[in-house]
């Protein structure tokens, strides 16, 4: 197995950083908001839990995103965690379009943030704060309401969609359970 090493000295190719970050698999979300009567949404894998008490989550958006003003103005957003059978939903919200919601049977969540049909989980949030970070803006949201169902998540890794394989060793499950107990 060959390893690539890159010094981030300002002359590096940013694709190399993306390649390295792509080695960390993530879930796929569509983050939505509604501001001034207009729905906005985008595909993101920058979603993460931040705190259980209070219930906080975070995600980031590139500063040049056309939907950034709506997310800033709304004060609310919804995180829609996509299920393994929803790669088309991810593609829909990752592609520029005048109306990404056209033909979808969405439900209005808190603050007018759309909740997508078939999502594995959704988190309806009030924007707690925003933080500037390089070419992105980080949104910290207080979870006000959530819902979730059983199923397999859509995963993104190495530039591809994939799904998780069940763990084969009961000790791995025990290890993960022990980590979560330690966080509580």
N, C-alpha and C. Protein backbone atom coordinates (compact mmCIF):
# COMPACT_ATOMS: atom_id res chain seq x y z
N UNK A 1 0.85 -1.18 0.00
CA UNK A 1 0.00 0.00 0.00
C UNK A 1 0.90 1.24 0.00
N UNK A 2 0.73 2.05 -1.02
CA UNK A 2 1.53 3.27 -1.15
C UNK A 2 0.88 4.40 -0.35
N UNK A 3 1.68 5.21 0.29
CA UNK A 3 1.21 6.36 1.05
C UNK A 3 1.69 7.63 0.37
N UNK A 4 0.79 8.59 0.22
CA UNK A 4 1.13 9.88 -0.36
C UNK A 4 1.27 10.89 0.77
N UNK A 5 2.37 11.64 0.76
CA UNK A 5 2.58 12.68 1.77
C UNK A 5 2.66 14.02 1.06
N UNK A 6 1.93 15.00 1.58
CA UNK A 6 1.88 16.33 0.96
C UNK A 6 2.09 17.38 2.04
N UNK A 7 3.02 18.27 1.82
CA UNK A 7 3.24 19.40 2.72
C UNK A 7 2.28 20.51 2.31
N UNK A 8 1.44 20.95 3.23
CA UNK A 8 0.45 21.99 2.93
C UNK A 8 1.11 23.35 3.15
N UNK A 9 1.86 23.78 2.14
CA UNK A 9 2.65 25.00 2.25
C UNK A 9 2.12 26.14 1.38
N UNK A 10 0.91 25.97 0.86
CA UNK A 10 0.32 27.00 0.02
C UNK A 10 0.55 26.76 -1.47
N UNK A 11 1.45 25.85 -1.81
CA UNK A 11 1.68 25.53 -3.22
C UNK A 11 1.08 24.17 -3.58
N UNK A 12 0.45 23.53 -2.62
CA UNK A 12 -0.11 22.19 -2.84
C UNK A 12 -1.39 22.27 -3.70
N UNK A 13 -1.75 21.17 -4.29
CA UNK A 13 -2.99 21.03 -5.05
C UNK A 13 -4.09 20.69 -4.04
N UNK A 14 -5.16 21.51 -3.98
CA UNK A 14 -6.22 21.27 -3.00
C UNK A 14 -6.91 19.93 -3.23
N UNK A 15 -6.78 19.36 -4.43
CA UNK A 15 -7.35 18.05 -4.71
C UNK A 15 -6.72 17.00 -3.79
N UNK A 16 -5.44 17.18 -3.47
CA UNK A 16 -4.75 16.24 -2.59
C UNK A 16 -5.39 16.23 -1.20
N UNK A 17 -5.75 17.42 -0.69
CA UNK A 17 -6.42 17.49 0.61
C UNK A 17 -7.78 16.80 0.53
N UNK A 18 -8.51 17.04 -0.55
CA UNK A 18 -9.81 16.38 -0.73
C UNK A 18 -9.65 14.86 -0.77
N UNK A 19 -8.61 14.40 -1.46
CA UNK A 19 -8.36 12.96 -1.54
C UNK A 19 -8.11 12.37 -0.15
N UNK A 20 -7.30 13.06 0.65
CA UNK A 20 -7.02 12.57 2.01
C UNK A 20 -8.27 12.60 2.88
N UNK A 21 -9.04 13.70 2.82
CA UNK A 21 -10.27 13.80 3.61
C UNK A 21 -11.28 12.74 3.18
N UNK A 22 -11.25 12.36 1.91
CA UNK A 22 -12.16 11.33 1.40
C UNK A 22 -11.90 9.96 1.98
N UNK A 23 -10.80 9.78 2.68
CA UNK A 23 -10.51 8.49 3.32
C UNK A 23 -11.35 8.30 4.59
N UNK A 24 -11.98 9.38 5.04
CA UNK A 24 -12.84 9.31 6.22
C UNK A 24 -14.29 9.21 5.73
N UNK A 25 -14.91 8.03 5.86
CA UNK A 25 -16.29 7.89 5.38
C UNK A 25 -17.25 8.71 6.23
N UNK A 26 -18.25 9.27 5.56
CA UNK A 26 -19.25 10.08 6.26
C UNK A 26 -20.65 9.69 5.81
N UNK A 27 -21.61 10.04 6.61
CA UNK A 27 -22.99 9.93 6.19
C UNK A 27 -23.29 11.05 5.21
N UNK A 28 -24.43 10.93 4.53
CA UNK A 28 -24.84 11.94 3.56
C UNK A 28 -26.11 12.60 4.06
N UNK A 29 -26.12 13.92 4.08
CA UNK A 29 -27.29 14.67 4.53
C UNK A 29 -27.71 15.67 3.46
N UNK A 30 -28.97 16.06 3.54
CA UNK A 30 -29.44 17.22 2.80
C UNK A 30 -29.89 18.21 3.86
N UNK A 31 -29.30 19.39 3.83
CA UNK A 31 -29.62 20.42 4.81
C UNK A 31 -30.54 21.42 4.14
N UNK A 32 -31.64 21.73 4.80
CA UNK A 32 -32.67 22.57 4.20
C UNK A 32 -33.02 23.75 5.09
N UNK A 33 -33.56 24.77 4.47
CA UNK A 33 -34.06 25.92 5.20
C UNK A 33 -35.15 26.59 4.38
N UNK A 34 -35.88 27.46 5.02
CA UNK A 34 -36.89 28.25 4.33
C UNK A 34 -36.80 29.67 4.83
N UNK A 35 -36.49 30.59 3.95
CA UNK A 35 -36.38 32.00 4.32
C UNK A 35 -37.14 32.83 3.31
N UNK A 36 -37.95 33.74 3.81
CA UNK A 36 -38.70 34.66 2.94
C UNK A 36 -39.53 33.89 1.91
N UNK A 37 -40.09 32.75 2.32
CA UNK A 37 -40.96 31.98 1.45
C UNK A 37 -40.25 31.15 0.39
N UNK A 38 -38.93 31.09 0.43
CA UNK A 38 -38.19 30.31 -0.56
C UNK A 38 -37.43 29.19 0.13
N UNK A 39 -37.64 27.97 -0.37
CA UNK A 39 -36.94 26.81 0.17
C UNK A 39 -35.55 26.69 -0.46
N UNK A 40 -34.59 26.33 0.36
CA UNK A 40 -33.22 26.08 -0.11
C UNK A 40 -32.76 24.75 0.48
N UNK A 41 -31.88 24.08 -0.24
CA UNK A 41 -31.33 22.82 0.26
C UNK A 41 -30.03 22.49 -0.45
N UNK A 42 -29.18 21.76 0.25
CA UNK A 42 -27.91 21.34 -0.32
C UNK A 42 -27.47 20.03 0.31
N UNK A 43 -26.73 19.27 -0.46
CA UNK A 43 -26.15 18.02 0.03
C UNK A 43 -24.87 18.35 0.79
N UNK A 44 -24.71 17.73 1.95
CA UNK A 44 -23.50 17.98 2.75
C UNK A 44 -23.11 16.73 3.52
N UNK A 45 -21.82 16.55 3.68
CA UNK A 45 -21.33 15.49 4.56
C UNK A 45 -20.55 16.08 5.72
N UNK A 46 -20.70 17.39 5.93
CA UNK A 46 -19.99 18.07 7.02
C UNK A 46 -20.76 18.05 8.33
N UNK A 47 -21.86 17.32 8.40
CA UNK A 47 -22.69 17.25 9.59
C UNK A 47 -22.01 16.45 10.70
N UNK A 48 -22.17 16.92 11.94
CA UNK A 48 -21.61 16.21 13.09
C UNK A 48 -22.38 16.56 14.36
N UNK A 49 -22.40 15.62 15.28
CA UNK A 49 -22.92 15.90 16.62
C UNK A 49 -21.90 16.77 17.34
N UNK A 50 -22.38 17.69 18.16
CA UNK A 50 -21.49 18.56 18.92
C UNK A 50 -21.67 18.35 20.42
N UNK A 51 -22.92 18.28 20.88
CA UNK A 51 -23.19 18.20 22.31
C UNK A 51 -24.51 17.49 22.55
N UNK A 52 -24.57 16.68 23.60
CA UNK A 52 -25.83 16.05 24.00
C UNK A 52 -26.61 16.93 24.94
N UNK A 53 -25.92 17.73 25.75
CA UNK A 53 -26.59 18.61 26.72
C UNK A 53 -25.86 19.94 26.79
N UNK A 54 -26.35 20.94 26.10
CA UNK A 54 -27.59 20.98 25.32
C UNK A 54 -27.42 20.23 24.00
N UNK A 55 -28.54 19.87 23.36
CA UNK A 55 -28.45 19.12 22.10
C UNK A 55 -28.03 20.03 20.95
N UNK A 56 -26.76 19.93 20.55
CA UNK A 56 -26.20 20.77 19.50
C UNK A 56 -25.59 19.91 18.39
N UNK A 57 -25.76 20.37 17.16
CA UNK A 57 -25.14 19.76 16.00
C UNK A 57 -24.42 20.86 15.22
N UNK A 58 -23.59 20.45 14.26
CA UNK A 58 -22.91 21.45 13.44
C UNK A 58 -22.76 20.95 12.02
N UNK A 59 -22.58 21.90 11.12
CA UNK A 59 -22.31 21.63 9.71
C UNK A 59 -21.69 22.88 9.12
N UNK A 60 -21.13 22.74 7.92
CA UNK A 60 -20.52 23.92 7.30
C UNK A 60 -20.94 24.05 5.85
N UNK A 61 -20.87 25.30 5.37
CA UNK A 61 -21.24 25.64 4.00
C UNK A 61 -20.16 26.55 3.43
N UNK A 62 -19.83 26.35 2.18
CA UNK A 62 -18.83 27.19 1.52
C UNK A 62 -19.38 28.61 1.38
N UNK A 63 -18.53 29.59 1.59
CA UNK A 63 -18.95 31.00 1.57
C UNK A 63 -19.59 31.42 0.24
N UNK A 64 -19.17 30.81 -0.85
CA UNK A 64 -19.68 31.23 -2.16
C UNK A 64 -20.98 30.53 -2.55
N UNK A 65 -21.55 29.72 -1.67
CA UNK A 65 -22.81 29.02 -1.97
C UNK A 65 -23.94 30.02 -2.15
N UNK A 66 -24.71 29.85 -3.21
CA UNK A 66 -25.83 30.75 -3.48
C UNK A 66 -26.88 30.70 -2.38
N UNK A 67 -26.97 29.58 -1.67
CA UNK A 67 -27.98 29.44 -0.62
C UNK A 67 -27.54 29.98 0.74
N UNK A 68 -26.28 30.40 0.88
CA UNK A 68 -25.80 30.90 2.17
C UNK A 68 -26.66 32.03 2.73
N UNK A 69 -27.04 33.05 1.96
CA UNK A 69 -27.87 34.12 2.54
C UNK A 69 -29.18 33.61 3.14
N UNK A 70 -29.79 32.62 2.52
CA UNK A 70 -31.04 32.07 3.06
C UNK A 70 -30.80 31.36 4.38
N UNK A 71 -29.72 30.60 4.49
CA UNK A 71 -29.41 29.91 5.75
C UNK A 71 -29.11 30.93 6.85
N UNK A 72 -28.43 32.01 6.51
CA UNK A 72 -28.13 33.03 7.50
C UNK A 72 -29.39 33.78 7.93
N UNK A 73 -30.29 34.07 7.00
CA UNK A 73 -31.50 34.85 7.29
C UNK A 73 -32.57 34.05 8.04
N UNK A 74 -32.62 32.76 7.80
CA UNK A 74 -33.73 31.96 8.32
C UNK A 74 -33.72 31.80 9.83
N UNK A 75 -32.57 31.51 10.40
CA UNK A 75 -32.51 31.23 11.83
C UNK A 75 -32.88 29.79 12.17
N UNK A 76 -33.25 29.01 11.18
CA UNK A 76 -33.58 27.59 11.35
C UNK A 76 -33.02 26.79 10.19
N UNK A 77 -32.79 25.51 10.43
CA UNK A 77 -32.42 24.58 9.36
C UNK A 77 -32.80 23.18 9.80
N UNK A 78 -32.90 22.29 8.83
CA UNK A 78 -33.16 20.88 9.11
C UNK A 78 -32.07 20.04 8.48
N UNK A 79 -31.60 19.07 9.22
CA UNK A 79 -30.65 18.10 8.72
C UNK A 79 -31.46 16.86 8.37
N UNK A 80 -31.43 16.44 7.12
CA UNK A 80 -32.11 15.24 6.66
C UNK A 80 -31.04 14.19 6.37
N UNK A 81 -30.95 13.15 7.19
CA UNK A 81 -29.96 12.09 7.01
C UNK A 81 -30.52 11.11 5.99
N UNK A 82 -29.81 10.92 4.90
CA UNK A 82 -30.32 10.09 3.82
C UNK A 82 -30.13 8.61 4.08
N UNK A 83 -31.09 7.83 3.60
CA UNK A 83 -31.06 6.38 3.68
C UNK A 83 -30.27 5.82 2.49
N UNK A 84 -29.85 4.58 2.61
CA UNK A 84 -29.03 3.94 1.58
C UNK A 84 -29.69 3.94 0.21
N UNK A 85 -31.01 3.98 0.16
CA UNK A 85 -31.71 3.96 -1.12
C UNK A 85 -31.97 5.37 -1.68
N UNK A 86 -31.26 6.39 -1.18
CA UNK A 86 -31.51 7.76 -1.61
C UNK A 86 -30.33 8.48 -2.30
N UNK A 87 -29.48 7.77 -3.06
CA UNK A 87 -28.40 8.51 -3.73
C UNK A 87 -28.93 9.54 -4.73
N UNK A 88 -30.10 9.28 -5.32
CA UNK A 88 -30.68 10.25 -6.26
C UNK A 88 -31.06 11.55 -5.54
N UNK A 89 -31.54 11.43 -4.29
CA UNK A 89 -31.88 12.61 -3.50
C UNK A 89 -30.61 13.43 -3.23
N UNK A 90 -29.52 12.74 -2.92
CA UNK A 90 -28.25 13.42 -2.70
C UNK A 90 -27.83 14.17 -3.97
N UNK A 91 -27.91 13.49 -5.11
CA UNK A 91 -27.52 14.11 -6.37
C UNK A 91 -28.41 15.31 -6.70
N UNK A 92 -29.71 15.20 -6.44
CA UNK A 92 -30.65 16.29 -6.72
C UNK A 92 -30.22 17.56 -5.99
N UNK A 93 -29.83 17.43 -4.71
CA UNK A 93 -29.51 18.61 -3.91
C UNK A 93 -28.04 19.04 -4.03
N UNK A 94 -27.23 18.22 -4.71
CA UNK A 94 -25.84 18.59 -4.96
C UNK A 94 -25.69 19.31 -6.30
N UNK A 95 -26.75 19.29 -7.10
CA UNK A 95 -26.72 19.86 -8.44
C UNK A 95 -27.48 21.18 -8.46
N UNK A 96 -26.89 22.23 -9.02
CA UNK A 96 -27.61 23.51 -9.10
C UNK A 96 -28.91 23.35 -9.90
N UNK A 97 -29.99 23.92 -9.38
CA UNK A 97 -31.29 23.90 -10.04
C UNK A 97 -32.14 25.03 -9.49
N UNK A 98 -33.06 25.54 -10.30
CA UNK A 98 -33.94 26.62 -9.86
C UNK A 98 -34.86 26.16 -8.74
N UNK A 99 -35.37 24.93 -8.82
CA UNK A 99 -36.26 24.40 -7.78
C UNK A 99 -35.90 22.96 -7.48
N UNK A 100 -35.04 22.78 -6.50
CA UNK A 100 -34.60 21.43 -6.12
C UNK A 100 -35.72 20.62 -5.46
N UNK A 101 -36.78 21.29 -5.03
CA UNK A 101 -37.87 20.62 -4.32
C UNK A 101 -39.01 20.21 -5.24
N UNK A 102 -38.94 20.59 -6.52
CA UNK A 102 -40.01 20.31 -7.46
C UNK A 102 -40.36 18.83 -7.51
N UNK A 103 -41.65 18.52 -7.34
CA UNK A 103 -42.11 17.14 -7.41
C UNK A 103 -41.91 16.32 -6.14
N UNK A 104 -41.29 16.90 -5.13
CA UNK A 104 -41.09 16.18 -3.86
C UNK A 104 -42.23 16.47 -2.90
N UNK A 105 -42.66 15.47 -2.18
CA UNK A 105 -43.69 15.63 -1.17
C UNK A 105 -43.02 15.93 0.17
N UNK A 106 -42.65 17.20 0.37
CA UNK A 106 -41.93 17.58 1.59
C UNK A 106 -42.91 18.09 2.64
N UNK A 107 -42.48 17.99 3.87
CA UNK A 107 -43.23 18.50 5.01
C UNK A 107 -42.48 19.71 5.54
N UNK A 108 -43.21 20.77 5.90
CA UNK A 108 -42.54 21.93 6.49
C UNK A 108 -42.24 21.65 7.96
N UNK A 109 -40.96 21.75 8.31
CA UNK A 109 -40.55 21.59 9.68
C UNK A 109 -40.53 22.94 10.39
N UNK A 110 -39.96 22.96 11.57
CA UNK A 110 -39.88 24.18 12.35
C UNK A 110 -39.15 25.27 11.57
N UNK A 111 -39.64 26.48 11.64
CA UNK A 111 -39.04 27.60 10.94
C UNK A 111 -39.16 27.51 9.43
N UNK A 112 -40.02 26.60 8.94
CA UNK A 112 -40.21 26.46 7.50
C UNK A 112 -39.14 25.64 6.80
N UNK A 113 -38.31 24.94 7.56
CA UNK A 113 -37.26 24.11 6.96
C UNK A 113 -37.87 22.80 6.46
N UNK A 114 -37.73 22.50 5.17
CA UNK A 114 -38.34 21.29 4.61
C UNK A 114 -37.74 20.00 5.17
N UNK A 115 -38.63 19.04 5.42
CA UNK A 115 -38.25 17.69 5.83
C UNK A 115 -38.49 16.78 4.64
N UNK A 116 -37.47 16.03 4.25
CA UNK A 116 -37.53 15.24 3.03
C UNK A 116 -38.17 13.86 3.27
N UNK A 117 -38.94 13.40 2.30
CA UNK A 117 -39.56 12.08 2.44
C UNK A 117 -38.50 10.98 2.41
N UNK A 118 -38.68 9.97 3.25
CA UNK A 118 -37.80 8.82 3.26
C UNK A 118 -36.50 8.99 4.00
N UNK A 119 -36.26 10.17 4.58
CA UNK A 119 -34.99 10.38 5.31
C UNK A 119 -34.92 9.41 6.49
N UNK A 120 -33.74 8.93 6.75
CA UNK A 120 -33.52 8.00 7.85
C UNK A 120 -33.66 8.69 9.20
N UNK A 121 -33.28 9.96 9.24
CA UNK A 121 -33.43 10.78 10.44
C UNK A 121 -33.53 12.24 10.02
N UNK A 122 -34.15 13.04 10.85
CA UNK A 122 -34.16 14.48 10.62
C UNK A 122 -34.00 15.19 11.95
N UNK A 123 -33.28 16.30 11.89
CA UNK A 123 -33.02 17.13 13.07
C UNK A 123 -33.45 18.54 12.71
N UNK A 124 -34.46 19.06 13.41
CA UNK A 124 -34.93 20.42 13.18
C UNK A 124 -34.25 21.31 14.20
N UNK A 125 -33.57 22.33 13.70
CA UNK A 125 -32.67 23.12 14.53
C UNK A 125 -32.90 24.62 14.41
N UNK A 126 -32.62 25.32 15.50
CA UNK A 126 -32.51 26.77 15.49
C UNK A 126 -31.02 27.09 15.44
N UNK A 127 -30.65 28.05 14.62
CA UNK A 127 -29.24 28.43 14.53
C UNK A 127 -28.81 29.06 15.85
N UNK A 128 -27.88 28.41 16.51
CA UNK A 128 -27.35 28.89 17.79
C UNK A 128 -26.26 29.93 17.55
N UNK A 129 -25.41 29.67 16.55
CA UNK A 129 -24.34 30.61 16.20
C UNK A 129 -23.72 30.20 14.89
N UNK A 130 -23.03 31.12 14.26
CA UNK A 130 -22.22 30.82 13.09
C UNK A 130 -20.78 31.22 13.40
N UNK A 131 -19.86 30.51 12.80
CA UNK A 131 -18.43 30.74 13.04
C UNK A 131 -17.72 30.76 11.69
N UNK A 132 -16.91 31.79 11.46
CA UNK A 132 -16.14 31.85 10.23
C UNK A 132 -14.96 30.91 10.33
N UNK A 133 -14.73 30.18 9.26
CA UNK A 133 -13.61 29.24 9.22
C UNK A 133 -13.09 29.08 7.81
N UNK A 134 -12.07 29.84 7.45
CA UNK A 134 -11.50 29.73 6.11
C UNK A 134 -12.53 30.07 5.04
N UNK A 135 -12.68 29.17 4.07
CA UNK A 135 -13.62 29.41 2.98
C UNK A 135 -15.03 28.91 3.29
N UNK A 136 -15.28 28.56 4.55
CA UNK A 136 -16.59 28.05 4.97
C UNK A 136 -17.15 28.85 6.15
N UNK A 137 -18.44 28.72 6.34
CA UNK A 137 -19.13 29.22 7.53
C UNK A 137 -19.67 27.99 8.27
N UNK A 138 -19.37 27.90 9.53
CA UNK A 138 -19.82 26.78 10.37
C UNK A 138 -21.12 27.19 11.06
N UNK A 139 -22.14 26.34 10.95
CA UNK A 139 -23.42 26.57 11.63
C UNK A 139 -23.51 25.62 12.82
N UNK A 140 -23.77 26.18 13.99
CA UNK A 140 -24.06 25.39 15.18
C UNK A 140 -25.55 25.52 15.41
N UNK A 141 -26.23 24.39 15.50
CA UNK A 141 -27.67 24.43 15.68
C UNK A 141 -28.13 23.70 16.92
N UNK A 142 -29.14 24.27 17.58
CA UNK A 142 -29.76 23.63 18.73
C UNK A 142 -30.90 22.76 18.20
N UNK A 143 -30.83 21.47 18.48
CA UNK A 143 -31.86 20.55 18.02
C UNK A 143 -33.13 20.79 18.85
N UNK A 144 -34.21 21.13 18.15
CA UNK A 144 -35.50 21.38 18.80
C UNK A 144 -36.44 20.19 18.69
N UNK A 145 -36.30 19.45 17.58
CA UNK A 145 -37.14 18.27 17.37
C UNK A 145 -36.39 17.34 16.42
N UNK A 146 -36.58 16.05 16.63
CA UNK A 146 -35.92 15.07 15.77
C UNK A 146 -36.85 13.89 15.55
N UNK A 147 -36.56 13.14 14.52
CA UNK A 147 -37.26 11.88 14.27
C UNK A 147 -36.26 10.96 13.58
N UNK A 148 -36.46 9.66 13.77
CA UNK A 148 -35.57 8.71 13.12
C UNK A 148 -36.27 7.37 12.97
N UNK A 149 -35.77 6.56 12.04
CA UNK A 149 -36.32 5.23 11.81
C UNK A 149 -35.17 4.26 11.58
N UNK A 150 -35.50 3.00 11.62
CA UNK A 150 -34.49 1.97 11.36
C UNK A 150 -34.19 1.92 9.86
N UNK A 151 -32.99 1.53 9.54
CA UNK A 151 -32.60 1.40 8.14
C UNK A 151 -31.10 1.62 7.99
N UNK A 152 -30.65 1.47 6.78
CA UNK A 152 -29.23 1.64 6.48
C UNK A 152 -28.97 3.05 5.95
N UNK A 153 -27.90 3.70 6.42
CA UNK A 153 -27.59 5.06 5.96
C UNK A 153 -26.86 5.04 4.61
N UNK A 154 -26.99 6.13 3.89
CA UNK A 154 -26.19 6.36 2.70
C UNK A 154 -24.84 6.89 3.18
N UNK A 155 -23.77 6.32 2.67
CA UNK A 155 -22.42 6.68 3.10
C UNK A 155 -21.64 7.18 1.89
N UNK A 156 -20.74 8.14 2.13
CA UNK A 156 -19.87 8.67 1.08
C UNK A 156 -18.44 8.43 1.52
N UNK A 157 -17.66 7.79 0.65
CA UNK A 157 -16.26 7.51 0.98
C UNK A 157 -15.45 7.41 -0.31
N UNK A 158 -14.32 8.10 -0.34
CA UNK A 158 -13.44 8.02 -1.50
C UNK A 158 -14.10 8.46 -2.79
N UNK A 159 -15.03 9.42 -2.71
CA UNK A 159 -15.68 9.93 -3.91
C UNK A 159 -16.81 9.06 -4.43
N UNK A 160 -17.28 8.08 -3.61
CA UNK A 160 -18.34 7.17 -4.04
C UNK A 160 -19.37 6.99 -2.94
N UNK A 161 -20.59 6.72 -3.35
CA UNK A 161 -21.62 6.30 -2.40
C UNK A 161 -21.40 4.84 -2.07
N UNK A 162 -21.71 4.49 -0.83
CA UNK A 162 -21.60 3.10 -0.42
C UNK A 162 -22.52 2.89 0.78
N UNK A 163 -22.57 1.66 1.24
CA UNK A 163 -23.35 1.33 2.43
C UNK A 163 -22.44 0.59 3.40
N UNK A 164 -22.88 0.50 4.64
CA UNK A 164 -22.07 -0.16 5.67
C UNK A 164 -22.34 -1.66 5.66
N UNK A 165 -21.31 -2.41 5.96
CA UNK A 165 -21.48 -3.85 6.17
C UNK A 165 -21.64 -4.08 7.66
N UNK A 166 -22.49 -5.03 8.04
CA UNK A 166 -22.64 -5.31 9.48
C UNK A 166 -21.31 -5.76 10.08
N UNK A 167 -21.09 -5.43 11.33
CA UNK A 167 -19.89 -5.87 12.01
C UNK A 167 -19.98 -7.37 12.24
N UNK A 168 -18.86 -8.03 12.02
CA UNK A 168 -18.85 -9.49 12.12
C UNK A 168 -18.43 -9.98 13.50
N UNK A 169 -17.81 -9.14 14.25
CA UNK A 169 -17.29 -9.54 15.56
C UNK A 169 -18.14 -8.91 16.66
N UNK A 170 -18.66 -9.74 17.58
CA UNK A 170 -19.43 -9.15 18.68
C UNK A 170 -18.57 -8.26 19.57
N UNK A 171 -17.26 -8.45 19.56
CA UNK A 171 -16.41 -7.59 20.39
C UNK A 171 -16.37 -6.17 19.84
N UNK A 172 -16.47 -6.01 18.53
CA UNK A 172 -16.49 -4.67 17.96
C UNK A 172 -17.74 -3.92 18.42
N UNK A 173 -18.87 -4.61 18.44
CA UNK A 173 -20.11 -3.99 18.92
C UNK A 173 -19.96 -3.63 20.40
N UNK A 174 -19.38 -4.50 21.17
CA UNK A 174 -19.17 -4.22 22.59
C UNK A 174 -18.25 -3.02 22.77
N UNK A 175 -17.21 -2.93 21.93
CA UNK A 175 -16.30 -1.79 22.01
C UNK A 175 -17.04 -0.48 21.74
N UNK A 176 -17.85 -0.46 20.70
CA UNK A 176 -18.60 0.76 20.37
C UNK A 176 -19.59 1.09 21.47
N UNK A 177 -20.29 0.08 22.00
CA UNK A 177 -21.20 0.32 23.12
C UNK A 177 -20.47 0.93 24.30
N UNK A 178 -19.27 0.46 24.58
CA UNK A 178 -18.49 0.99 25.71
C UNK A 178 -18.10 2.45 25.46
N UNK A 179 -17.79 2.79 24.22
CA UNK A 179 -17.46 4.19 23.91
C UNK A 179 -18.66 5.08 24.18
N UNK A 180 -19.85 4.67 23.73
CA UNK A 180 -21.05 5.50 23.92
C UNK A 180 -21.40 5.62 25.41
N UNK A 181 -21.21 4.55 26.16
CA UNK A 181 -21.47 4.62 27.61
C UNK A 181 -20.51 5.63 28.24
N UNK A 182 -19.25 5.63 27.80
CA UNK A 182 -18.26 6.56 28.33
C UNK A 182 -18.58 8.01 28.00
N UNK A 183 -19.32 8.24 26.90
CA UNK A 183 -19.68 9.61 26.52
C UNK A 183 -20.86 10.12 27.33
N UNK A 184 -21.65 9.21 27.88
CA UNK A 184 -22.86 9.62 28.61
C UNK A 184 -22.52 10.08 29.95
